[in-house]
């Protein structure tokens, strides 16, 4: 499988400002595989240490802060050789090892020639704890589920992936590409971007094995909920997690605590929800009152929507069977277009530094699904699960904030086009949104 993050890792390896690296990402998203593959391709050898399988390795970090001694002990215990600049050192499953995380400070200060990368699930949670954390002494990288473009490569559709990469004009996509891309996107909604699920489909074409993989991943996450330090939170985390499909199935997707449990109040469940957000299993998107900078200054903290880390996991959690999606647009429209919205959000999160927001107005009701910040501009985004769409909310948004809106963006099943200042992006080009917005702005300012 080809993952685009390998390019980022190569940049890290070659950077004169390289620091020890912490890779964050949910369980089963492919952190270990990517680091080992990176080591195999770009280093003489890889020294891999898993602190879950070999708990005794933790002791080497408890007794000394001397990097040379720690490495000496690790080499002797594991029989692996470690050479400065030639070996990639991987510390895996470090989420429960504060001393290992803390040692990165000494690698950074006293042994910069050693290339160290750490991974672990629930690292977002571990790093939120106030233990001694090596602030400013590490680099971070986030690994998200495979994008649709990565799915195409894994599925052997290199020609389609290459075509998407080279689009450099806003003009309709020819049917010879449009139709197969549309069909492949349906499949991506079914498998999602978790590498194991993608593998079961692309290598074995086995739908039931893929379903089982997704169930196993969800099971592993649900077992992780028990790792919350406060046992009473376990059932609350579980209830919030299981409520996600129902939250997204509503016309107005604003998160409502009563959907979690009748009579539930925010203060009882907000810690549980925050735990899932810190674990990055959920994305939390605040309602924005106006398109201003900094974006956070306009957040309405009482209103937000939540989305799952991966569209395939959402489909499985919602118990939508893959077989029902053979016909037409059903996959896109089913379940109030929630899969489509989740898919678009998932790809926007990887392309733009600032997490998207959304905008609503009551009486009469209008909703712009997402607001994205690109450089110092804010763009309203509407997500439609079908073709031939009209965009009343985008129109209203422009009326209210005329000087703030350089371009309006709509994702739908219509073809790629720029209609006045509305850029329509076909759903299967969501990964190219950043680049397409750039092209549209250039075209508008000619």
Protein backbone atom coordinates (compact mmCIF):
# COMPACT_ATOMS: atom_id res chain seq x y z
CA UNK A 1 0.00 0.00 0.00
CA UNK A 2 1.29 3.45 -0.85
CA UNK A 3 0.70 6.05 1.85
CA UNK A 4 1.39 9.71 1.15
CA UNK A 5 2.71 10.28 4.70
CA UNK A 6 5.92 8.47 3.66
CA UNK A 7 6.86 11.70 1.79
CA UNK A 8 6.41 13.65 5.04
CA UNK A 9 8.62 11.14 6.86
CA UNK A 10 11.36 11.55 4.23
CA UNK A 11 11.22 15.33 4.76
CA UNK A 12 11.57 14.73 8.51
CA UNK A 13 14.57 12.42 7.97
CA UNK A 14 16.36 15.01 5.81
CA UNK A 15 15.50 18.09 7.87
CA UNK A 16 18.41 19.89 9.56
CA UNK A 17 15.94 20.71 12.37
CA UNK A 18 14.83 17.11 12.88
CA UNK A 19 13.74 16.17 16.42
CA UNK A 20 12.47 12.85 17.75
CA UNK A 21 9.10 12.15 16.14
CA UNK A 22 5.78 11.27 17.77
CA UNK A 23 3.25 9.72 15.40
CA UNK A 24 -0.36 10.02 16.50
CA UNK A 25 -3.32 8.16 15.08
CA UNK A 26 -6.11 5.83 16.16
CA UNK A 27 -5.56 2.13 16.71
CA UNK A 28 -5.27 0.11 13.45
CA UNK A 29 -4.69 3.14 11.23
CA UNK A 30 -1.30 1.74 10.15
CA UNK A 31 1.23 3.62 12.32
CA UNK A 32 3.54 0.64 12.94
CA UNK A 33 3.40 -0.56 9.34
CA UNK A 34 4.22 2.90 7.99
CA UNK A 35 7.21 3.38 10.32
CA UNK A 36 8.61 -0.09 9.53
CA UNK A 37 8.09 0.44 5.79
CA UNK A 38 9.78 3.86 6.02
CA UNK A 39 12.71 2.27 7.89
CA UNK A 40 12.97 -0.53 5.31
CA UNK A 41 13.07 1.91 2.39
CA UNK A 42 15.26 4.70 3.74
CA UNK A 43 17.59 3.29 6.43
CA UNK A 44 20.27 0.61 6.64
CA UNK A 45 18.28 -1.09 9.37
CA UNK A 46 15.36 -0.60 11.76
CA UNK A 47 15.51 -1.24 15.52
CA UNK A 48 11.94 -1.88 16.69
CA UNK A 49 10.91 -1.89 20.37
CA UNK A 50 7.32 -2.62 21.43
CA UNK A 51 6.67 -1.60 25.05
CA UNK A 52 3.42 -3.52 25.22
CA UNK A 53 5.03 -6.83 24.24
CA UNK A 54 8.27 -6.20 26.17
CA UNK A 55 7.34 -4.32 29.30
CA UNK A 56 10.79 -5.00 30.77
CA UNK A 57 12.30 -2.51 28.26
CA UNK A 58 10.61 0.30 30.20
CA UNK A 59 13.08 -0.21 33.08
CA UNK A 60 15.98 1.02 30.94
CA UNK A 61 14.35 4.45 30.88
CA UNK A 62 13.57 4.52 34.60
CA UNK A 63 17.11 4.12 35.86
CA UNK A 64 18.99 6.63 33.68
CA UNK A 65 18.62 9.65 31.42
CA UNK A 66 21.85 8.86 29.58
CA UNK A 67 20.82 8.10 25.98
CA UNK A 68 23.97 6.09 25.19
CA UNK A 69 23.32 3.81 28.18
CA UNK A 70 19.65 3.37 27.30
CA UNK A 71 20.59 2.40 23.74
CA UNK A 72 23.35 0.08 24.94
CA UNK A 73 20.84 -1.77 27.15
CA UNK A 74 18.23 -1.95 24.38
CA UNK A 75 20.80 -3.35 21.93
CA UNK A 76 22.02 -5.97 24.39
CA UNK A 77 18.50 -7.01 25.39
CA UNK A 78 17.14 -7.24 21.85
CA UNK A 79 20.18 -8.16 19.80
CA UNK A 80 19.47 -5.30 17.37
CA UNK A 81 22.19 -2.92 16.21
CA UNK A 82 21.67 0.84 16.43
CA UNK A 83 23.86 3.23 14.46
CA UNK A 84 23.57 7.03 14.43
CA UNK A 85 21.93 8.31 11.20
CA UNK A 86 21.77 4.79 9.70
CA UNK A 87 19.21 3.12 11.95
CA UNK A 88 15.59 4.12 12.42
CA UNK A 89 14.72 3.52 16.08
CA UNK A 90 11.00 2.80 16.56
CA UNK A 91 9.45 2.93 20.03
CA UNK A 92 5.95 1.46 19.70
CA UNK A 93 2.98 1.41 22.10
CA UNK A 94 4.45 4.22 24.21
CA UNK A 95 1.09 5.56 25.42
CA UNK A 96 1.58 4.07 28.90
CA UNK A 97 5.29 4.89 29.16
CA UNK A 98 5.75 8.50 30.34
CA UNK A 99 9.48 7.88 30.97
CA UNK A 100 10.02 6.78 27.37
CA UNK A 101 8.18 9.86 26.07
CA UNK A 102 10.16 12.05 28.45
CA UNK A 103 13.47 10.53 27.26
CA UNK A 104 12.88 12.11 23.83
CA UNK A 105 14.05 15.37 25.36
CA UNK A 106 17.49 13.82 25.99
CA UNK A 107 17.62 12.28 22.51
CA UNK A 108 16.91 15.74 21.12
CA UNK A 109 19.47 17.58 23.28
CA UNK A 110 22.27 15.05 23.72
CA UNK A 111 22.02 12.58 20.81
CA UNK A 112 20.58 14.39 17.78
CA UNK A 113 22.27 11.97 15.35
CA UNK A 114 19.94 9.16 16.37
CA UNK A 115 16.68 9.01 14.38
CA UNK A 116 13.85 8.14 16.78
CA UNK A 117 10.16 7.73 15.98
CA UNK A 118 7.45 6.83 18.52
CA UNK A 119 3.96 5.55 17.99
CA UNK A 120 1.05 4.51 20.15
CA UNK A 121 -2.70 4.44 20.16
CA UNK A 122 -4.55 6.80 22.51
CA UNK A 123 -1.45 9.01 22.44
CA UNK A 124 -3.69 12.07 22.27
CA UNK A 125 -5.02 11.02 25.67
CA UNK A 126 -1.60 10.18 27.11
CA UNK A 127 -0.14 13.51 26.00
CA UNK A 128 -3.06 15.44 27.50
CA UNK A 129 -1.98 14.21 30.95
CA UNK A 130 0.17 16.69 32.85
CA UNK A 131 3.24 14.46 33.21
CA UNK A 132 6.66 15.81 32.32
CA UNK A 133 6.34 16.14 28.56
CA UNK A 134 9.29 17.19 26.36
CA UNK A 135 7.76 20.47 25.16
CA UNK A 136 9.52 21.84 22.08
CA UNK A 137 11.82 18.81 21.86
CA UNK A 138 9.74 16.65 19.51
CA UNK A 139 8.10 16.77 16.09
CA UNK A 140 4.53 15.52 15.66
CA UNK A 141 2.82 13.83 12.76
CA UNK A 142 -0.79 12.71 12.51
CA UNK A 143 -1.76 9.59 10.57
CA UNK A 144 -5.36 9.48 9.44
CA UNK A 145 -7.26 6.70 7.65
CA UNK A 146 -6.36 6.14 4.00
CA UNK A 147 -7.76 8.79 1.70
CA UNK A 148 -9.83 7.96 -1.38
CA UNK A 149 -6.70 8.62 -3.53
CA UNK A 150 -4.72 6.10 -1.45
CA UNK A 151 -7.63 3.65 -1.74
CA UNK A 152 -7.48 3.96 -5.56
CA UNK A 153 -3.76 3.10 -5.52
CA UNK A 154 -4.34 0.12 -3.22
CA UNK A 155 -7.15 -1.04 -5.52
CA UNK A 156 -4.83 -1.01 -8.56
CA UNK A 157 -6.51 2.04 -10.10
CA UNK A 158 -3.27 3.95 -10.58
CA UNK A 159 -4.58 5.51 -13.82
CA UNK A 160 -7.55 7.09 -11.97
CA UNK A 161 -5.34 8.33 -9.11
CA UNK A 162 -2.85 9.78 -11.62
CA UNK A 163 -5.68 11.49 -13.52
CA UNK A 164 -6.96 13.19 -10.34
CA UNK A 165 -3.44 14.34 -9.48
CA UNK A 166 -2.88 16.07 -12.81
CA UNK A 167 -6.14 18.06 -13.07
CA UNK A 168 -4.99 21.66 -13.46
CA UNK A 169 -8.09 23.37 -14.89
CA UNK A 170 -11.65 23.79 -13.70
CA UNK A 171 -13.46 21.96 -16.50
CA UNK A 172 -15.78 18.95 -16.62
CA UNK A 173 -14.24 15.53 -16.01
CA UNK A 174 -14.74 13.26 -19.07
CA UNK A 175 -17.19 10.36 -18.57
CA UNK A 176 -14.39 7.84 -19.09
CA UNK A 177 -13.00 9.00 -15.72
CA UNK A 178 -16.14 10.37 -14.05
CA UNK A 179 -18.14 7.12 -14.10
CA UNK A 180 -15.48 4.73 -12.76
CA UNK A 181 -14.45 7.26 -10.07
CA UNK A 182 -18.07 7.55 -8.97
CA UNK A 183 -18.35 3.73 -8.71
CA UNK A 184 -15.05 3.44 -6.79
CA UNK A 185 -16.17 6.11 -4.32
CA UNK A 186 -19.20 3.95 -3.44
CA UNK A 187 -16.80 1.13 -2.64
CA UNK A 188 -14.70 3.45 -0.48
CA UNK A 189 -17.82 4.39 1.52
CA UNK A 190 -18.23 0.66 2.22
CA UNK A 191 -14.62 -0.18 3.14
CA UNK A 192 -13.57 3.18 4.61
CA UNK A 193 -9.88 3.96 4.95
CA UNK A 194 -8.69 1.57 7.67
CA UNK A 195 -5.79 -0.28 5.97
CA UNK A 196 -6.86 -3.78 7.02
CA UNK A 197 -10.40 -3.25 5.73
CA UNK A 198 -9.06 -1.85 2.44
CA UNK A 199 -6.71 -4.86 2.15
CA UNK A 200 -9.55 -7.36 2.59
CA UNK A 201 -11.38 -5.72 -0.27
CA UNK A 202 -8.53 -4.88 -2.65
CA UNK A 203 -6.60 -8.14 -2.28
CA UNK A 204 -9.28 -10.70 -1.50
CA UNK A 205 -12.49 -8.97 -2.73
CA UNK A 206 -14.02 -10.54 0.37
CA UNK A 207 -16.94 -8.46 1.67
CA UNK A 208 -17.64 -10.61 4.72
CA UNK A 209 -13.96 -10.56 5.80
CA UNK A 210 -13.99 -6.78 5.38
CA UNK A 211 -17.15 -6.51 7.51
CA UNK A 212 -15.46 -8.64 10.17
CA UNK A 213 -12.33 -6.48 10.15
CA UNK A 214 -14.43 -3.34 10.72
CA UNK A 215 -16.33 -5.06 13.55
CA UNK A 216 -13.02 -6.11 15.14
CA UNK A 217 -11.66 -2.55 14.93
CA UNK A 218 -14.82 -1.16 16.55
CA UNK A 219 -14.51 -3.87 19.23
CA UNK A 220 -10.88 -2.87 19.91
CA UNK A 221 -11.92 0.79 20.30
CA UNK A 222 -14.71 -0.17 22.66
CA UNK A 223 -12.25 -2.15 24.81
CA UNK A 224 -10.02 0.94 24.88
CA UNK A 225 -12.85 2.91 26.52
CA UNK A 226 -12.17 0.88 29.65
CA UNK A 227 -8.73 2.54 29.84
CA UNK A 228 -10.31 5.76 31.10
CA UNK A 229 -8.89 6.33 34.60
CA UNK A 230 -12.38 6.83 36.01
CA UNK A 231 -14.39 3.58 35.70
CA UNK A 232 -17.75 5.40 35.79
CA UNK A 233 -16.82 7.13 32.51
CA UNK A 234 -16.62 3.82 30.63
CA UNK A 235 -20.36 3.41 30.08
CA UNK A 236 -20.74 7.11 29.22
CA UNK A 237 -18.00 6.96 26.57
CA UNK A 238 -19.70 3.86 25.17
CA UNK A 239 -23.08 5.58 25.03
CA UNK A 240 -21.73 8.71 23.32
CA UNK A 241 -19.87 6.53 20.78
CA UNK A 242 -22.93 4.42 19.98
CA UNK A 243 -25.09 7.54 19.59
CA UNK A 244 -23.04 8.90 16.69
CA UNK A 245 -25.08 7.28 13.87
CA UNK A 246 -28.34 8.52 15.45
CA UNK A 247 -26.87 12.01 15.86
CA UNK A 248 -25.92 12.10 12.17
CA UNK A 249 -29.20 10.56 10.98
CA UNK A 250 -31.11 13.66 12.06
CA UNK A 251 -31.90 16.42 9.59
CA UNK A 252 -30.20 18.96 11.87
CA UNK A 253 -26.96 17.22 12.81
CA UNK A 254 -26.20 19.38 15.84
CA UNK A 255 -25.12 17.12 18.72
CA UNK A 256 -27.90 16.59 21.27
CA UNK A 257 -27.14 14.96 24.61
CA UNK A 258 -30.69 13.58 24.86
CA UNK A 259 -29.90 11.31 21.89
CA UNK A 260 -27.19 9.70 24.06
CA UNK A 261 -29.68 9.00 26.83
CA UNK A 262 -33.12 10.35 27.69
CA UNK A 263 -32.71 13.22 30.15
CA UNK A 264 -28.90 13.35 29.70
CA UNK A 265 -27.23 16.67 30.56
CA UNK A 266 -24.11 18.15 29.01
CA UNK A 267 -22.14 18.25 32.25
CA UNK A 268 -22.60 14.48 32.79
CA UNK A 269 -21.36 13.51 29.33
CA UNK A 270 -18.96 16.22 28.17
CA UNK A 271 -15.89 14.49 29.67
CA UNK A 272 -16.79 11.26 27.90
CA UNK A 273 -17.23 13.11 24.62
CA UNK A 274 -13.94 14.97 25.10
CA UNK A 275 -12.14 11.65 25.73
CA UNK A 276 -13.31 10.40 22.31
CA UNK A 277 -12.22 13.67 20.67
CA UNK A 278 -8.77 13.54 22.36
CA UNK A 279 -8.43 9.93 21.19
CA UNK A 280 -9.29 11.35 17.73
CA UNK A 281 -12.01 8.75 17.27
CA UNK A 282 -14.40 11.66 16.81
CA UNK A 283 -14.03 15.06 15.16
CA UNK A 284 -15.87 17.86 16.92
CA UNK A 285 -16.96 20.77 14.72
CA UNK A 286 -18.21 23.95 16.40
CA UNK A 287 -20.89 26.24 15.07
CA UNK A 288 -19.42 29.56 13.97
CA UNK A 289 -21.38 32.79 14.33
CA UNK A 290 -19.56 34.60 11.48
CA UNK A 291 -16.68 34.08 9.04
CA UNK A 292 -13.95 36.00 10.92
CA UNK A 293 -10.34 35.42 11.99
CA UNK A 294 -9.17 33.89 14.18
CA UNK A 295 -11.87 31.32 13.55
CA UNK A 296 -11.99 30.23 17.21
CA UNK A 297 -13.05 33.72 18.30
CA UNK A 298 -16.43 33.16 16.59
CA UNK A 299 -17.16 29.69 18.03
CA UNK A 300 -20.50 29.08 19.68
CA UNK A 301 -19.26 26.56 22.24
CA UNK A 302 -22.77 25.35 23.04
CA UNK A 303 -23.42 24.06 19.51
CA UNK A 304 -21.35 21.48 17.65
CA UNK A 305 -21.56 18.45 15.38
CA UNK A 306 -19.54 15.27 15.72
CA UNK A 307 -18.23 12.98 13.00
CA UNK A 308 -16.45 9.64 13.11
CA UNK A 309 -12.78 9.25 12.24
CA UNK A 310 -13.66 7.07 9.23
CA UNK A 311 -16.63 6.69 6.88
CA UNK A 312 -16.34 2.88 6.72
CA UNK A 313 -16.44 2.63 10.52
CA UNK A 314 -19.49 4.93 10.54
CA UNK A 315 -21.25 2.68 8.01
CA UNK A 316 -20.44 -0.39 10.12
CA UNK A 317 -21.43 1.28 13.41
CA UNK A 318 -24.73 2.33 11.80
CA UNK A 319 -25.19 -1.30 10.68
CA UNK A 320 -25.76 -0.40 7.04
CA UNK A 321 -25.18 -3.53 4.96
CA UNK A 322 -22.77 -3.22 2.02
CA UNK A 323 -25.17 -5.15 -0.25
CA UNK A 324 -27.83 -2.42 -0.19
CA UNK A 325 -25.55 -0.04 -2.05
CA UNK A 326 -25.57 -1.56 -5.51
CA UNK A 327 -28.36 0.66 -6.71
CA UNK A 328 -27.82 4.20 -8.01
CA UNK A 329 -27.14 6.98 -5.55
CA UNK A 330 -28.56 5.19 -2.55
CA UNK A 331 -25.26 5.01 -0.72
CA UNK A 332 -24.83 8.78 -0.95
CA UNK A 333 -28.36 9.73 0.10
CA UNK A 334 -29.13 7.00 2.64
CA UNK A 335 -29.07 8.00 6.28
CA UNK A 336 -29.63 11.71 5.44
CA UNK A 337 -26.39 11.97 3.48
CA UNK A 338 -24.45 11.40 6.72
CA UNK A 339 -21.84 9.15 5.11
CA UNK A 340 -21.19 11.80 2.47
CA UNK A 341 -20.83 14.57 5.04
CA UNK A 342 -18.55 12.38 7.17
CA UNK A 343 -16.42 11.54 4.11
CA UNK A 344 -16.02 15.21 3.12
CA UNK A 345 -15.16 16.28 6.68
CA UNK A 346 -12.62 13.45 6.93
CA UNK A 347 -10.75 14.69 3.88
CA UNK A 348 -10.98 18.42 4.80
CA UNK A 349 -9.38 17.67 8.18
CA UNK A 350 -6.29 16.28 6.43
CA UNK A 351 -5.96 19.20 3.99
CA UNK A 352 -6.50 22.30 6.12
CA UNK A 353 -4.64 23.18 9.28
CA UNK A 354 -7.61 24.74 11.09
CA UNK A 355 -10.39 22.29 11.93
CA UNK A 356 -13.54 23.23 9.96
CA UNK A 357 -16.58 24.86 11.56
CA UNK A 358 -20.20 25.07 10.40
CA UNK A 359 -22.77 27.89 10.26
CA UNK A 360 -26.52 27.99 10.85
CA UNK A 361 -29.30 30.51 11.15
CA UNK A 362 -32.82 29.87 12.47
CA UNK A 363 -36.16 31.24 11.21
CA UNK A 364 -36.00 30.70 8.40
CA UNK A 365 -33.49 27.86 8.79
CA UNK A 366 -30.24 27.90 6.80
CA UNK A 367 -27.19 25.71 7.28
CA UNK A 368 -23.75 25.78 5.69
CA UNK A 369 -22.24 22.34 6.36
CA UNK A 370 -18.65 23.50 6.81
CA UNK A 371 -16.55 26.65 6.91
CA UNK A 372 -12.92 26.08 5.99
CA UNK A 373 -9.99 28.41 6.50
CA UNK A 374 -7.47 28.38 3.66
CA UNK A 375 -4.60 30.79 4.28
CA UNK A 376 -6.44 33.90 5.54
CA UNK A 377 -9.71 33.30 3.73
CA UNK A 378 -12.81 31.51 4.91
CA UNK A 379 -14.91 29.52 2.44
CA UNK A 380 -18.45 28.26 2.99
CA UNK A 381 -18.87 24.61 1.96
CA UNK A 382 -22.06 22.76 1.20
CA UNK A 383 -22.24 18.98 0.87
CA UNK A 384 -24.94 17.47 -1.33
CA UNK A 385 -25.40 13.73 -1.75
CA UNK A 386 -26.84 13.92 -5.24
CA UNK A 387 -26.65 15.80 -8.54
CA UNK A 388 -28.60 18.83 -9.87
CA UNK A 389 -28.39 20.73 -6.64
CA UNK A 390 -29.46 24.19 -5.61
CA UNK A 391 -27.69 25.94 -2.76
CA UNK A 392 -30.07 28.21 -0.85
CA UNK A 393 -27.84 28.31 2.23
CA UNK A 394 -24.72 29.25 0.26
CA UNK A 395 -26.72 32.04 -1.37
CA UNK A 396 -27.96 33.31 2.01
CA UNK A 397 -24.44 33.16 3.47
CA UNK A 398 -23.16 35.36 0.65
CA UNK A 399 -26.00 37.87 1.17
CA UNK A 400 -25.14 38.16 4.86
CA UNK A 401 -21.33 38.33 4.47
CA UNK A 402 -20.79 39.72 0.94
CA UNK A 403 -17.25 41.06 1.43
CA UNK A 404 -16.04 37.95 3.28
CA UNK A 405 -16.89 35.41 0.56
CA UNK A 406 -14.42 35.13 -2.33
CA UNK A 407 -15.67 31.71 -3.39
CA UNK A 408 -18.40 29.29 -2.38
CA UNK A 409 -17.72 25.55 -2.53
CA UNK A 410 -20.18 22.74 -3.11
CA UNK A 411 -19.44 19.00 -3.08
CA UNK A 412 -21.99 16.95 -5.01
CA UNK A 413 -22.38 14.32 -7.74
CA UNK A 414 -22.38 17.06 -10.39
CA UNK A 415 -19.33 17.51 -12.59
CA UNK A 416 -16.42 19.85 -11.86
CA UNK A 417 -17.41 23.43 -12.76
CA UNK A 418 -17.16 27.03 -11.68
CA UNK A 419 -20.54 28.70 -11.86
CA UNK A 420 -20.10 32.41 -11.18
CA UNK A 421 -18.40 32.13 -7.74
CA UNK A 422 -19.71 28.64 -6.85
CA UNK A 423 -17.12 25.90 -7.33
CA UNK A 424 -18.77 22.50 -7.70
CA UNK A 425 -16.40 19.68 -6.77
CA UNK A 426 -17.48 16.11 -7.58
CA UNK A 427 -17.40 14.07 -4.35
CA UNK A 428 -14.65 11.79 -5.66
CA UNK A 429 -12.34 14.84 -5.94
CA UNK A 430 -12.70 15.84 -2.28
CA UNK A 431 -9.00 15.00 -1.65
CA UNK A 432 -8.08 17.66 -4.24
CA UNK A 433 -10.24 20.40 -2.63
CA UNK A 434 -7.33 22.60 -1.57
CA UNK A 435 -5.76 22.54 -5.03
CA UNK A 436 -9.12 23.06 -6.82
CA UNK A 437 -9.99 26.05 -4.63
CA UNK A 438 -6.62 27.55 -5.59
CA UNK A 439 -7.33 27.01 -9.31
CA UNK A 440 -10.85 28.51 -9.00
CA UNK A 441 -9.53 31.64 -7.23
CA UNK A 442 -6.96 32.16 -9.98
CA UNK A 443 -9.66 31.79 -12.62
CA UNK A 444 -11.95 34.29 -10.86
CA UNK A 445 -9.19 36.90 -10.58
CA UNK A 446 -8.04 36.73 -14.18
